[in-house]
Amino acid sequence: MASETISVTKARERLTALVDEVSQQLSQYTILKHGEARAVLLAAQEYEALLETLDILSDSKAVARIRASLDELSRGESLSFEDVTGEPL
């Protein structure tokens, strides 16, 4: 994901184009005011993905299940699609 910084003044001038760019190219902009980072412009789908990731990571039981699953995979303890469904992939 491309990330750039832009002043709030330039962002205001180019807002429509910036919104189109972040939504189509999944880029992001850090918006500066008086040289300080004040906001980030990113695609809505990227924002939703971040919120979902935070939600999962805040659930200690889910994180434990993910870690256990990764450990099983590293030990070769996995099932194929066919093993689970009885149908070939």
PDB file of N, CA and C in Angstrom:
ATOM      1  N   MET A   1       0.848  -1.161   0.000  1.00  0.00           N
ATOM      2  CA  MET A   1       0.000   0.000   0.000  1.00  0.00           C
ATOM      3  C   MET A   1       0.901   1.232   0.000  1.00  0.00           C
ATOM      4  N   ALA A   2       0.689   2.101  -0.963  1.00  0.00           N
ATOM      5  CA  ALA A   2       1.468   3.327  -1.051  1.00  0.00           C
ATOM      6  C   ALA A   2       0.995   4.311   0.019  1.00  0.00           C
ATOM      7  N   SER A   3       1.954   4.967   0.659  1.00  0.00           N
ATOM      8  CA  SER A   3       1.618   5.930   1.700  1.00  0.00           C
ATOM      9  C   SER A   3       2.361   7.235   1.433  1.00  0.00           C
ATOM     10  N   GLU A   4       1.633   8.329   1.472  1.00  0.00           N
ATOM     11  CA  GLU A   4       2.228   9.640   1.247  1.00  0.00           C
ATOM     12  C   GLU A   4       1.743  10.606   2.317  1.00  0.00           C
ATOM     13  N   THR A   5       2.478  11.683   2.476  1.00  0.00           N
ATOM     14  CA  THR A   5       2.024  12.751   3.362  1.00  0.00           C
ATOM     15  C   THR A   5       1.621  13.938   2.506  1.00  0.00           C
ATOM     16  N   ILE A   6       0.650  14.693   3.005  1.00  0.00           N
ATOM     17  CA  ILE A   6       0.139  15.843   2.269  1.00  0.00           C
ATOM     18  C   ILE A   6      -0.371  16.860   3.288  1.00  0.00           C
ATOM     19  N   SER A   7      -0.207  18.119   2.983  1.00  0.00           N
ATOM     20  CA  SER A   7      -0.701  19.152   3.894  1.00  0.00           C
ATOM     21  C   SER A   7      -2.217  19.211   3.821  1.00  0.00           C
ATOM     22  N   VAL A   8      -2.828  19.685   4.886  1.00  0.00           N
ATOM     23  CA  VAL A   8      -4.278  19.799   4.917  1.00  0.00           C
ATOM     24  C   VAL A   8      -4.767  20.742   3.820  1.00  0.00           C
ATOM     25  N   THR A   9      -3.987  21.763   3.505  1.00  0.00           N
ATOM     26  CA  THR A   9      -4.362  22.707   2.442  1.00  0.00           C
ATOM     27  C   THR A   9      -4.412  22.000   1.092  1.00  0.00           C
ATOM     28  N   LYS A  10      -3.365  21.236   0.770  1.00  0.00           N
ATOM     29  CA  LYS A  10      -3.350  20.507  -0.504  1.00  0.00           C
ATOM     30  C   LYS A  10      -4.411  19.416  -0.523  1.00  0.00           C
ATOM     31  N   ALA A  11      -4.636  18.769   0.609  1.00  0.00           N
ATOM     32  CA  ALA A  11      -5.670  17.737   0.679  1.00  0.00           C
ATOM     33  C   ALA A  11      -7.040  18.341   0.395  1.00  0.00           C
ATOM     34  N   ARG A  12      -7.298  19.508   0.944  1.00  0.00           N
ATOM     35  CA  ARG A  12      -8.572  20.179   0.716  1.00  0.00           C
ATOM     36  C   ARG A  12      -8.754  20.477  -0.767  1.00  0.00           C
ATOM     37  N   GLU A  13      -7.684  20.951  -1.421  1.00  0.00           N
ATOM     38  CA  GLU A  13      -7.741  21.289  -2.847  1.00  0.00           C
ATOM     39  C   GLU A  13      -7.991  20.049  -3.714  1.00  0.00           C
ATOM     40  N   ARG A  14      -7.476  18.909  -3.286  1.00  0.00           N
ATOM     41  CA  ARG A  14      -7.521  17.689  -4.105  1.00  0.00           C
ATOM     42  C   ARG A  14      -8.404  16.597  -3.517  1.00  0.00           C
ATOM     43  N   LEU A  15      -9.306  16.930  -2.617  1.00  0.00           N
ATOM     44  CA  LEU A  15     -10.029  15.912  -1.857  1.00  0.00           C
ATOM     45  C   LEU A  15     -10.738  14.887  -2.744  1.00  0.00           C
ATOM     46  N   THR A  16     -11.464  15.330  -3.744  1.00  0.00           N
ATOM     47  CA  THR A  16     -12.188  14.388  -4.600  1.00  0.00           C
ATOM     48  C   THR A  16     -11.232  13.422  -5.276  1.00  0.00           C
ATOM     49  N   ALA A  17     -10.140  13.930  -5.815  1.00  0.00           N
ATOM     50  CA  ALA A  17      -9.155  13.069  -6.481  1.00  0.00           C
ATOM     51  C   ALA A  17      -8.484  12.126  -5.491  1.00  0.00           C
ATOM     52  N   LEU A  18      -8.201  12.604  -4.284  1.00  0.00           N
ATOM     53  CA  LEU A  18      -7.572  11.759  -3.267  1.00  0.00           C
ATOM     54  C   LEU A  18      -8.504  10.618  -2.850  1.00  0.00           C
ATOM     55  N   VAL A  19      -9.782  10.920  -2.677  1.00  0.00           N
ATOM     56  CA  VAL A  19     -10.754   9.890  -2.308  1.00  0.00           C
ATOM     57  C   VAL A  19     -10.823   8.829  -3.405  1.00  0.00           C
ATOM     58  N   ASP A  20     -10.864   9.270  -4.662  1.00  0.00           N
ATOM     59  CA  ASP A  20     -10.879   8.311  -5.773  1.00  0.00           C
ATOM     60  C   ASP A  20      -9.616   7.456  -5.765  1.00  0.00           C
ATOM     61  N   GLU A  21      -8.473   8.084  -5.532  1.00  0.00           N
ATOM     62  CA  GLU A  21      -7.198   7.362  -5.538  1.00  0.00           C
ATOM     63  C   GLU A  21      -7.118   6.317  -4.424  1.00  0.00           C
ATOM     64  N   VAL A  22      -7.474   6.700  -3.218  1.00  0.00           N
ATOM     65  CA  VAL A  22      -7.353   5.730  -2.126  1.00  0.00           C
ATOM     66  C   VAL A  22      -8.348   4.586  -2.277  1.00  0.00           C
ATOM     67  N   SER A  23      -9.508   4.870  -2.846  1.00  0.00           N
ATOM     68  CA  SER A  23     -10.494   3.800  -2.992  1.00  0.00           C
ATOM     69  C   SER A  23     -10.153   2.867  -4.150  1.00  0.00           C
ATOM     70  N   GLN A  24      -9.493   3.362  -5.183  1.00  0.00           N
ATOM     71  CA  GLN A  24      -9.173   2.539  -6.349  1.00  0.00           C
ATOM     72  C   GLN A  24      -7.813   1.866  -6.239  1.00  0.00           C
ATOM     73  N   GLN A  25      -6.850   2.543  -5.636  1.00  0.00           N
ATOM     74  CA  GLN A  25      -5.483   2.028  -5.607  1.00  0.00           C
ATOM     75  C   GLN A  25      -5.033   1.578  -4.221  1.00  0.00           C
ATOM     76  N   LEU A  26      -5.925   1.683  -3.242  1.00  0.00           N
ATOM     77  CA  LEU A  26      -5.614   1.308  -1.857  1.00  0.00           C
ATOM     78  C   LEU A  26      -4.365   2.013  -1.328  1.00  0.00           C
ATOM     79  N   SER A  27      -4.186   3.250  -1.768  1.00  0.00           N
ATOM     80  CA  SER A  27      -3.105   4.057  -1.211  1.00  0.00           C
ATOM     81  C   SER A  27      -3.639   4.745   0.044  1.00  0.00           C
ATOM     82  N   GLN A  28      -2.762   5.440   0.731  1.00  0.00           N
ATOM     83  CA  GLN A  28      -3.197   6.177   1.920  1.00  0.00           C
ATOM     84  C   GLN A  28      -2.418   7.475   2.017  1.00  0.00           C
ATOM     85  N   TYR A  29      -3.015   8.445   2.661  1.00  0.00           N
ATOM     86  CA  TYR A  29      -2.386   9.747   2.872  1.00  0.00           C
ATOM     87  C   TYR A  29      -2.429  10.098   4.345  1.00  0.00           C
ATOM     88  N   THR A  30      -1.286  10.515   4.864  1.00  0.00           N
ATOM     89  CA  THR A  30      -1.233  11.111   6.189  1.00  0.00           C
ATOM     90  C   THR A  30      -1.357  12.610   5.973  1.00  0.00           C
ATOM     91  N   ILE A  31      -2.329  13.216   6.608  1.00  0.00           N
ATOM     92  CA  ILE A  31      -2.603  14.633   6.403  1.00  0.00           C
ATOM     93  C   ILE A  31      -1.967  15.429   7.534  1.00  0.00           C
ATOM     94  N   LEU A  32      -1.143  16.399   7.133  1.00  0.00           N
ATOM     95  CA  LEU A  32      -0.396  17.224   8.077  1.00  0.00           C
ATOM     96  C   LEU A  32      -1.056  18.580   8.262  1.00  0.00           C
ATOM     97  N   LYS A  33      -1.055  19.043   9.493  1.00  0.00           N
ATOM     98  CA  LYS A  33      -1.486  20.405   9.791  1.00  0.00           C
ATOM     99  C   LYS A  33      -0.381  21.038  10.612  1.00  0.00           C
ATOM    100  N   HIS A  34       0.166  22.120  10.108  1.00  0.00           N
ATOM    101  CA  HIS A  34       1.311  22.778  10.737  1.00  0.00           C
ATOM    102  C   HIS A  34       2.466  21.786  10.898  1.00  0.00           C
ATOM    103  N   GLY A  35       2.651  20.906   9.890  1.00  0.00           N
ATOM    104  CA  GLY A  35       3.756  19.957   9.895  1.00  0.00           C
ATOM    105  C   GLY A  35       3.568  18.743  10.782  1.00  0.00           C
ATOM    106  N   GLU A  36       2.410  18.635  11.435  1.00  0.00           N
ATOM    107  CA  GLU A  36       2.138  17.527  12.344  1.00  0.00           C
ATOM    108  C   GLU A  36       1.067  16.609  11.766  1.00  0.00           C
ATOM    109  N   ALA A  37       1.275  15.297  11.861  1.00  0.00           N
ATOM    110  CA  ALA A  37       0.283  14.341  11.391  1.00  0.00           C
ATOM    111  C   ALA A  37      -0.985  14.488  12.218  1.00  0.00           C
ATOM    112  N   ARG A  38      -2.113  14.725  11.544  1.00  0.00           N
ATOM    113  CA  ARG A  38      -3.379  14.929  12.248  1.00  0.00           C
ATOM    114  C   ARG A  38      -4.461  13.943  11.840  1.00  0.00           C
ATOM    115  N   ALA A  39      -4.347  13.375  10.623  1.00  0.00           N
ATOM    116  CA  ALA A  39      -5.383  12.454  10.146  1.00  0.00           C
ATOM    117  C   ALA A  39      -4.791  11.557   9.064  1.00  0.00           C
ATOM    118  N   VAL A  40      -5.529  10.484   8.777  1.00  0.00           N
ATOM    119  CA  VAL A  40      -5.133   9.570   7.705  1.00  0.00           C
ATOM    120  C   VAL A  40      -6.341   9.357   6.812  1.00  0.00           C
ATOM    121  N   LEU A  41      -6.106   9.416   5.511  1.00  0.00           N
ATOM    122  CA  LEU A  41      -7.150   9.133   4.531  1.00  0.00           C
ATOM    123  C   LEU A  41      -6.828   7.788   3.902  1.00  0.00           C
ATOM    124  N   LEU A  42      -7.754   6.833   4.052  1.00  0.00           N
ATOM    125  CA  LEU A  42      -7.555   5.522   3.453  1.00  0.00           C
ATOM    126  C   LEU A  42      -8.897   4.987   2.988  1.00  0.00           C
ATOM    127  N   ALA A  43      -8.847   3.958   2.152  1.00  0.00           N
ATOM    128  CA  ALA A  43     -10.066   3.369   1.598  1.00  0.00           C
ATOM    129  C   ALA A  43     -10.931   2.803   2.718  1.00  0.00           C
ATOM    130  N   ALA A  44     -12.233   2.891   2.528  1.00  0.00           N
ATOM    131  CA  ALA A  44     -13.173   2.376   3.520  1.00  0.00           C
ATOM    132  C   ALA A  44     -12.942   0.891   3.768  1.00  0.00           C
ATOM    133  N   GLN A  45     -12.645   0.129   2.716  1.00  0.00           N
ATOM    134  CA  GLN A  45     -12.426  -1.309   2.911  1.00  0.00           C
ATOM    135  C   GLN A  45     -11.174  -1.570   3.730  1.00  0.00           C
ATOM    136  N   GLU A  46     -10.160  -0.736   3.603  1.00  0.00           N
ATOM    137  CA  GLU A  46      -8.959  -0.885   4.422  1.00  0.00           C
ATOM    138  C   GLU A  46      -9.263  -0.549   5.879  1.00  0.00           C
ATOM    139  N   TYR A  47     -10.055   0.476   6.087  1.00  0.00           N
ATOM    140  CA  TYR A  47     -10.461   0.864   7.442  1.00  0.00           C
ATOM    141  C   TYR A  47     -11.255  -0.258   8.105  1.00  0.00           C
ATOM    142  N   GLU A  48     -12.210  -0.818   7.378  1.00  0.00           N
ATOM    143  CA  GLU A  48     -13.012  -1.920   7.910  1.00  0.00           C
ATOM    144  C   GLU A  48     -12.133  -3.126   8.232  1.00  0.00           C
ATOM    145  N   ALA A  49     -11.158  -3.411   7.374  1.00  0.00           N
ATOM    146  CA  ALA A  49     -10.246  -4.535   7.612  1.00  0.00           C
ATOM    147  C   ALA A  49      -9.422  -4.299   8.881  1.00  0.00           C
ATOM    148  N   LEU A  50      -8.977  -3.072   9.089  1.00  0.00           N
ATOM    149  CA  LEU A  50      -8.226  -2.745  10.307  1.00  0.00           C
ATOM    150  C   LEU A  50      -9.086  -2.927  11.553  1.00  0.00           C
ATOM    151  N   LEU A  51     -10.323  -2.468  11.488  1.00  0.00           N
ATOM    152  CA  LEU A  51     -11.224  -2.631  12.627  1.00  0.00           C
ATOM    153  C   LEU A  51     -11.484  -4.109  12.915  1.00  0.00           C
ATOM    154  N   GLU A  52     -11.664  -4.897  11.867  1.00  0.00           N
ATOM    155  CA  GLU A  52     -11.893  -6.330  12.052  1.00  0.00           C
ATOM    156  C   GLU A  52     -10.665  -7.003  12.666  1.00  0.00           C
ATOM    157  N   THR A  53      -9.491  -6.618  12.196  1.00  0.00           N
ATOM    158  CA  THR A  53      -8.249  -7.164  12.748  1.00  0.00           C
ATOM    159  C   THR A  53      -8.116  -6.814  14.222  1.00  0.00           C
ATOM    160  N   LEU A  54      -8.385  -5.564  14.566  1.00  0.00           N
ATOM    161  CA  LEU A  54      -8.329  -5.144  15.973  1.00  0.00           C
ATOM    162  C   LEU A  54      -9.329  -5.918  16.820  1.00  0.00           C
ATOM    163  N   ASP A  55     -10.517  -6.155  16.269  1.00  0.00           N
ATOM    164  CA  ASP A  55     -11.538  -6.900  16.982  1.00  0.00           C
ATOM    165  C   ASP A  55     -11.061  -8.328  17.270  1.00  0.00           C
ATOM    166  N   ILE A  56     -10.479  -8.970  16.268  1.00  0.00           N
ATOM    167  CA  ILE A  56      -9.975 -10.336  16.443  1.00  0.00           C
ATOM    168  C   ILE A  56      -8.836 -10.357  17.460  1.00  0.00           C
ATOM    169  N   LEU A  57      -7.895  -9.426  17.317  1.00  0.00           N
ATOM    170  CA  LEU A  57      -6.734  -9.407  18.207  1.00  0.00           C
ATOM    171  C   LEU A  57      -7.098  -9.047  19.647  1.00  0.00           C
ATOM    172  N   SER A  58      -8.234  -8.406  19.838  1.00  0.00           N
ATOM    173  CA  SER A  58      -8.644  -8.070  21.202  1.00  0.00           C
ATOM    174  C   SER A  58      -9.365  -9.232  21.881  1.00  0.00           C
ATOM    175  N   ASP A  59      -9.653 -10.289  21.122  1.00  0.00           N
ATOM    176  CA  ASP A  59     -10.325 -11.475  21.657  1.00  0.00           C
ATOM    177  C   ASP A  59      -9.259 -12.527  21.978  1.00  0.00           C
ATOM    178  N   SER A  60      -8.892 -12.635  23.250  1.00  0.00           N
ATOM    179  CA  SER A  60      -7.798 -13.533  23.631  1.00  0.00           C
ATOM    180  C   SER A  60      -8.081 -14.989  23.276  1.00  0.00           C
ATOM    181  N   LYS A  61      -9.346 -15.394  23.334  1.00  0.00           N
ATOM    182  CA  LYS A  61      -9.690 -16.776  22.973  1.00  0.00           C
ATOM    183  C   LYS A  61      -9.481 -17.011  21.478  1.00  0.00           C
ATOM    184  N   ALA A  62      -9.855 -16.047  20.660  1.00  0.00           N
ATOM    185  CA  ALA A  62      -9.661 -16.181  19.212  1.00  0.00           C
ATOM    186  C   ALA A  62      -8.172 -16.241  18.873  1.00  0.00           C
ATOM    187  N   VAL A  63      -7.384 -15.393  19.516  1.00  0.00           N
ATOM    188  CA  VAL A  63      -5.940 -15.390  19.280  1.00  0.00           C
ATOM    189  C   VAL A  63      -5.338 -16.733  19.698  1.00  0.00           C
ATOM    190  N   ALA A  64      -5.782 -17.275  20.813  1.00  0.00           N
ATOM    191  CA  ALA A  64      -5.283 -18.573  21.266  1.00  0.00           C
ATOM    192  C   ALA A  64      -5.637 -19.669  20.263  1.00  0.00           C
ATOM    193  N   ARG A  65      -6.867 -19.625  19.722  1.00  0.00           N
ATOM    194  CA  ARG A  65      -7.265 -20.621  18.713  1.00  0.00           C
ATOM    195  C   ARG A  65      -6.438 -20.487  17.444  1.00  0.00           C
ATOM    196  N   ILE A  66      -6.158 -19.258  17.032  1.00  0.00           N
ATOM    197  CA  ILE A  66      -5.334 -19.031  15.840  1.00  0.00           C
ATOM    198  C   ILE A  66      -3.933 -19.586  16.066  1.00  0.00           C
ATOM    199  N   ARG A  67      -3.346 -19.286  17.235  1.00  0.00           N
ATOM    200  CA  ARG A  67      -2.000 -19.790  17.540  1.00  0.00           C
ATOM    201  C   ARG A  67      -1.977 -21.316  17.565  1.00  0.00           C
ATOM    202  N   ALA A  68      -2.985 -21.922  18.170  1.00  0.00           N
ATOM    203  CA  ALA A  68      -3.059 -23.386  18.227  1.00  0.00           C
ATOM    204  C   ALA A  68      -3.173 -23.966  16.820  1.00  0.00           C
ATOM    205  N   SER A  69      -3.962 -23.331  15.981  1.00  0.00           N
ATOM    206  CA  SER A  69      -4.109 -23.795  14.596  1.00  0.00           C
ATOM    207  C   SER A  69      -2.803 -23.685  13.835  1.00  0.00           C
ATOM    208  N   LEU A  70      -2.101 -22.582  14.023  1.00  0.00           N
ATOM    209  CA  LEU A  70      -0.807 -22.416  13.354  1.00  0.00           C
ATOM    210  C   LEU A  70       0.195 -23.457  13.832  1.00  0.00           C
ATOM    211  N   ASP A  71       0.174 -23.766  15.120  1.00  0.00           N
ATOM    212  CA  ASP A  71       1.046 -24.814  15.662  1.00  0.00           C
ATOM    213  C   ASP A  71       0.715 -26.161  15.030  1.00  0.00           C
ATOM    214  N   GLU A  72      -0.573 -26.474  14.898  1.00  0.00           N
ATOM    215  CA  GLU A  72      -0.982 -27.726  14.263  1.00  0.00           C
ATOM    216  C   GLU A  72      -0.499 -27.796  12.819  1.00  0.00           C
ATOM    217  N   LEU A  73      -0.646 -26.692  12.104  1.00  0.00           N
ATOM    218  CA  LEU A  73      -0.164 -26.656  10.719  1.00  0.00           C
ATOM    219  C   LEU A  73       1.338 -26.881  10.636  1.00  0.00           C
ATOM    220  N   SER A  74       2.082 -26.259  11.533  1.00  0.00           N
ATOM    221  CA  SER A  74       3.543 -26.406  11.501  1.00  0.00           C
ATOM    222  C   SER A  74       3.977 -27.835  11.813  1.00  0.00           C
ATOM    223  N   ARG A  75       3.132 -28.568  12.534  1.00  0.00           N
ATOM    224  CA  ARG A  75       3.424 -29.968  12.829  1.00  0.00           C
ATOM    225  C   ARG A  75       2.859 -30.908  11.763  1.00  0.00           C
ATOM    226  N   GLY A  76       2.240 -30.327  10.741  1.00  0.00           N
ATOM    227  CA  GLY A  76       1.668 -31.134   9.672  1.00  0.00           C
ATOM    228  C   GLY A  76       0.338 -31.754  10.020  1.00  0.00           C
ATOM    229  N   GLU A  77      -0.291 -31.245  11.050  1.00  0.00           N
ATOM    230  CA  GLU A  77      -1.585 -31.782  11.494  1.00  0.00           C
ATOM    231  C   GLU A  77      -2.721 -30.997  10.845  1.00  0.00           C
ATOM    232  N   SER A  78      -2.976 -31.297   9.583  1.00  0.00           N
ATOM    233  CA  SER A  78      -4.042 -30.600   8.884  1.00  0.00           C
ATOM    234  C   SER A  78      -4.851 -31.584   8.053  1.00  0.00           C
ATOM    235  N   LEU A  79      -6.028 -31.165   7.670  1.00  0.00           N
ATOM    236  CA  LEU A  79      -6.913 -31.973   6.848  1.00  0.00           C
ATOM    237  C   LEU A  79      -7.098 -31.290   5.502  1.00  0.00           C
ATOM    238  N   SER A  80      -7.251 -32.087   4.473  1.00  0.00           N
ATOM    239  CA  SER A  80      -7.517 -31.530   3.148  1.00  0.00           C
ATOM    240  C   SER A  80      -8.989 -31.170   3.030  1.00  0.00           C
ATOM    241  N   PHE A  81      -9.301 -30.429   2.013  1.00  0.00           N
ATOM    242  CA  PHE A  81     -10.700 -30.081   1.734  1.00  0.00           C
ATOM    243  C   PHE A  81     -11.524 -31.345   1.579  1.00  0.00           C
ATOM    244  N   GLU A  82     -10.969 -32.303   0.865  1.00  0.00           N
ATOM    245  CA  GLU A  82     -11.673 -33.574   0.627  1.00  0.00           C
ATOM    246  C   GLU A  82     -11.888 -34.339   1.929  1.00  0.00           C
ATOM    247  N   ASP A  83     -10.884 -34.306   2.833  1.00  0.00           N
ATOM    248  CA  ASP A  83     -11.046 -34.974   4.129  1.00  0.00           C
ATOM    249  C   ASP A  83     -12.218 -34.378   4.913  1.00  0.00           C
ATOM    250  N   VAL A  84     -12.370 -33.087   4.842  1.00  0.00           N
ATOM    251  CA  VAL A  84     -13.396 -32.400   5.616  1.00  0.00           C
ATOM    252  C   VAL A  84     -14.782 -32.543   4.980  1.00  0.00           C
ATOM    253  N   THR A  85     -14.847 -32.362   3.646  1.00  0.00           N
ATOM    254  CA  THR A  85     -16.155 -32.332   2.981  1.00  0.00           C
ATOM    255  C   THR A  85     -16.544 -33.649   2.310  1.00  0.00           C
ATOM    256  N   GLY A  86     -15.558 -34.493   2.063  1.00  0.00           N
ATOM    257  CA  GLY A  86     -15.839 -35.713   1.319  1.00  0.00           C
ATOM    258  C   GLY A  86     -15.904 -35.492  -0.177  1.00  0.00           C
ATOM    259  N   GLU A  87     -15.586 -34.261  -0.600  1.00  0.00           N
ATOM    260  CA  GLU A  87     -15.618 -33.910  -2.023  1.00  0.00           C
ATOM    261  C   GLU A  87     -14.253 -33.405  -2.461  1.00  0.00           C
ATOM    262  N   PRO A  88     -13.866 -33.700  -3.707  1.00  0.00           N
ATOM    263  CA  PRO A  88     -12.591 -33.169  -4.206  1.00  0.00           C
ATOM    264  C   PRO A  88     -12.684 -31.658  -4.436  1.00  0.00           C
ATOM    265  N   LEU A  89     -11.573 -31.017  -4.312  1.00  0.00           N
ATOM    266  CA  LEU A  89     -11.520 -29.568  -4.514  1.00  0.00           C
ATOM    267  C   LEU A  89     -11.489 -29.233  -5.936  1.00  0.00           C
TER     268      LEU A  89
END
